[in-house]
Every structure is written in C-alpha cells, then in structure tokens.
Amino acid sequence: MSNALKKTARLSIQPRDKFTVAHPRAAISEKCVHSDQVKNAFDFAFTRYETAMKDLSKV
C-alpha cells in the first residue's frame, strides 16, 4: 500500500472590500465605437498569442 499523500497548500484569498464599487466606463474613450474595441482586442491577442494561434490552425 502507498503512503498517504499530503494535502496541497490552498491559495489564501483575502475577502474583498464590499464598500468599494467599480463603476463601468469606456475601455478606451467615450468616442470609441464597439468595432474599434474589437479590432484593438484582436490586435492585442494576435500579437501576444501569434505562435499559439499558428500551432492551433495546423490541428
């Protein structure tokens, strides 16, 4: 029989401050339209994960 495994250390997450409220706001500016935000998100993701996307396209 094998020895009992030790429990892994759990991640300690502090309770959040419920008095702080995050208000929604425009990601870039109030003049920016949704299509511009989608284009910026795609550009960011493609530059960051370019090799991963190329590898996935080969599958």
N, C-alpha and C. Protein backbone atom coordinates (compact mmCIF):
# COMPACT_ATOMS: atom_id res chain seq x y z
N MET A 1 0.83 -1.18 0.00
CA MET A 1 0.00 0.00 0.00
C MET A 1 0.88 1.25 0.00
N SER A 2 0.39 2.28 -0.59
CA SER A 2 1.17 3.51 -0.68
C SER A 2 0.94 4.39 0.53
N ASN A 3 1.86 5.28 0.73
CA ASN A 3 1.72 6.23 1.83
C ASN A 3 0.66 7.26 1.47
N ALA A 4 0.03 7.81 2.49
CA ALA A 4 -0.99 8.83 2.28
C ALA A 4 -0.33 10.10 1.74
N LEU A 5 -0.98 10.75 0.79
CA LEU A 5 -0.45 11.98 0.21
C LEU A 5 -0.76 13.16 1.10
N LYS A 6 0.17 14.10 1.15
CA LYS A 6 -0.07 15.32 1.91
C LYS A 6 -1.03 16.21 1.12
N LYS A 7 -1.85 16.95 1.85
CA LYS A 7 -2.76 17.89 1.19
C LYS A 7 -1.95 19.06 0.62
N THR A 8 -2.35 19.51 -0.55
CA THR A 8 -1.67 20.65 -1.15
C THR A 8 -2.05 21.93 -0.42
N ALA A 9 -1.12 22.86 -0.40
CA ALA A 9 -1.38 24.15 0.25
C ALA A 9 -2.44 24.90 -0.56
N ARG A 10 -3.44 25.37 0.09
CA ARG A 10 -4.52 26.09 -0.59
C ARG A 10 -4.16 27.56 -0.75
N LEU A 11 -4.71 28.15 -1.80
CA LEU A 11 -4.50 29.56 -2.07
C LEU A 11 -5.31 30.39 -1.09
N SER A 12 -4.68 31.30 -0.42
CA SER A 12 -5.36 32.14 0.55
C SER A 12 -5.80 33.44 -0.14
N ILE A 13 -7.11 33.62 -0.26
CA ILE A 13 -7.66 34.82 -0.90
C ILE A 13 -8.34 35.66 0.18
N GLN A 14 -7.91 36.90 0.26
CA GLN A 14 -8.48 37.80 1.26
C GLN A 14 -9.90 38.19 0.87
N PRO A 15 -10.79 38.40 1.83
CA PRO A 15 -12.15 38.84 1.49
C PRO A 15 -12.11 40.23 0.86
N ARG A 16 -12.98 40.44 -0.12
CA ARG A 16 -12.99 41.72 -0.82
C ARG A 16 -13.68 42.79 0.01
N ASP A 17 -13.33 44.04 -0.27
CA ASP A 17 -13.96 45.17 0.39
C ASP A 17 -15.30 45.44 -0.29
N LYS A 18 -16.40 45.16 0.40
CA LYS A 18 -17.72 45.28 -0.22
C LYS A 18 -18.20 46.72 -0.30
N PHE A 19 -17.46 47.65 0.29
CA PHE A 19 -17.85 49.05 0.23
C PHE A 19 -17.30 49.74 -1.01
N THR A 20 -16.32 49.13 -1.68
CA THR A 20 -15.75 49.68 -2.90
C THR A 20 -16.57 49.18 -4.09
N VAL A 21 -17.11 50.10 -4.87
CA VAL A 21 -17.95 49.75 -6.01
C VAL A 21 -17.22 50.15 -7.29
N ALA A 22 -17.12 49.22 -8.23
CA ALA A 22 -16.49 49.50 -9.52
C ALA A 22 -17.58 49.94 -10.49
N HIS A 23 -17.46 51.14 -11.01
CA HIS A 23 -18.44 51.67 -11.95
C HIS A 23 -17.98 51.40 -13.38
N PRO A 24 -18.88 51.00 -14.27
CA PRO A 24 -18.48 50.75 -15.66
C PRO A 24 -18.10 52.04 -16.36
N ARG A 25 -17.13 51.94 -17.25
CA ARG A 25 -16.72 53.09 -18.04
C ARG A 25 -16.15 52.58 -19.36
N ALA A 26 -15.99 53.46 -20.30
CA ALA A 26 -15.47 53.09 -21.60
C ALA A 26 -14.03 52.61 -21.47
N ALA A 27 -13.69 51.56 -22.21
CA ALA A 27 -12.35 50.99 -22.10
C ALA A 27 -11.30 51.92 -22.69
N ILE A 28 -11.61 52.60 -23.77
CA ILE A 28 -10.63 53.46 -24.43
C ILE A 28 -11.03 54.93 -24.25
N SER A 29 -12.18 55.28 -24.76
CA SER A 29 -12.71 56.62 -24.59
C SER A 29 -14.20 56.58 -24.89
N GLU A 30 -14.90 57.63 -24.57
CA GLU A 30 -16.33 57.66 -24.82
C GLU A 30 -16.64 57.77 -26.31
N LYS A 31 -15.69 58.24 -27.12
CA LYS A 31 -15.91 58.40 -28.55
C LYS A 31 -15.65 57.10 -29.31
N CYS A 32 -15.05 56.12 -28.65
CA CYS A 32 -14.69 54.87 -29.31
C CYS A 32 -15.93 54.00 -29.53
N VAL A 33 -16.04 53.41 -30.70
CA VAL A 33 -17.18 52.54 -31.01
C VAL A 33 -16.77 51.08 -30.79
N HIS A 34 -17.76 50.20 -30.77
CA HIS A 34 -17.53 48.79 -30.48
C HIS A 34 -16.58 48.14 -31.49
N SER A 35 -16.71 48.48 -32.74
CA SER A 35 -15.85 47.87 -33.76
C SER A 35 -14.38 48.20 -33.52
N ASP A 36 -14.10 49.42 -33.05
CA ASP A 36 -12.72 49.78 -32.73
C ASP A 36 -12.19 48.96 -31.55
N GLN A 37 -13.05 48.73 -30.55
CA GLN A 37 -12.63 47.94 -29.40
C GLN A 37 -12.36 46.49 -29.80
N VAL A 38 -13.20 45.94 -30.69
CA VAL A 38 -12.99 44.57 -31.17
C VAL A 38 -11.68 44.48 -31.94
N LYS A 39 -11.41 45.47 -32.78
CA LYS A 39 -10.17 45.48 -33.55
C LYS A 39 -8.95 45.55 -32.63
N ASN A 40 -9.01 46.40 -31.61
CA ASN A 40 -7.90 46.52 -30.66
C ASN A 40 -7.71 45.22 -29.89
N ALA A 41 -8.80 44.58 -29.49
CA ALA A 41 -8.70 43.32 -28.75
C ALA A 41 -8.09 42.24 -29.63
N PHE A 42 -8.48 42.17 -30.90
CA PHE A 42 -7.92 41.18 -31.81
C PHE A 42 -6.43 41.44 -32.04
N ASP A 43 -6.06 42.70 -32.25
CA ASP A 43 -4.65 43.03 -32.45
C ASP A 43 -3.81 42.65 -31.24
N PHE A 44 -4.32 42.93 -30.06
CA PHE A 44 -3.60 42.60 -28.83
C PHE A 44 -3.44 41.09 -28.69
N ALA A 45 -4.53 40.36 -28.90
CA ALA A 45 -4.48 38.90 -28.75
C ALA A 45 -3.59 38.27 -29.82
N PHE A 46 -3.67 38.77 -31.04
CA PHE A 46 -2.88 38.17 -32.10
C PHE A 46 -1.39 38.40 -31.89
N THR A 47 -1.01 39.59 -31.46
CA THR A 47 0.41 39.85 -31.24
C THR A 47 0.93 39.06 -30.04
N ARG A 48 0.09 38.85 -29.04
CA ARG A 48 0.53 38.15 -27.84
C ARG A 48 0.57 36.63 -28.05
N TYR A 49 -0.41 36.10 -28.78
CA TYR A 49 -0.54 34.65 -28.93
C TYR A 49 -0.38 34.21 -30.38
N GLU A 50 0.46 34.88 -31.13
CA GLU A 50 0.60 34.60 -32.56
C GLU A 50 1.07 33.16 -32.80
N THR A 51 2.10 32.73 -32.09
CA THR A 51 2.61 31.37 -32.32
C THR A 51 1.61 30.32 -31.88
N ALA A 52 0.88 30.58 -30.80
CA ALA A 52 -0.13 29.61 -30.34
C ALA A 52 -1.25 29.49 -31.36
N MET A 53 -1.67 30.60 -31.95
CA MET A 53 -2.74 30.56 -32.96
C MET A 53 -2.27 29.82 -34.22
N LYS A 54 -1.02 30.02 -34.59
CA LYS A 54 -0.49 29.30 -35.75
C LYS A 54 -0.43 27.80 -35.50
N ASP A 55 -0.03 27.42 -34.29
CA ASP A 55 0.01 26.00 -33.95
C ASP A 55 -1.39 25.40 -33.92
N LEU A 56 -2.36 26.13 -33.41
CA LEU A 56 -3.73 25.63 -33.37
C LEU A 56 -4.34 25.53 -34.75
N SER A 57 -3.95 26.39 -35.65
CA SER A 57 -4.51 26.35 -37.01
C SER A 57 -4.04 25.13 -37.77
N LYS A 58 -2.91 24.54 -37.36
CA LYS A 58 -2.40 23.36 -38.02
C LYS A 58 -3.12 22.08 -37.60
N VAL A 59 -3.84 22.12 -36.50
CA VAL A 59 -4.51 20.93 -35.98
C VAL A 59 -5.70 20.56 -36.81
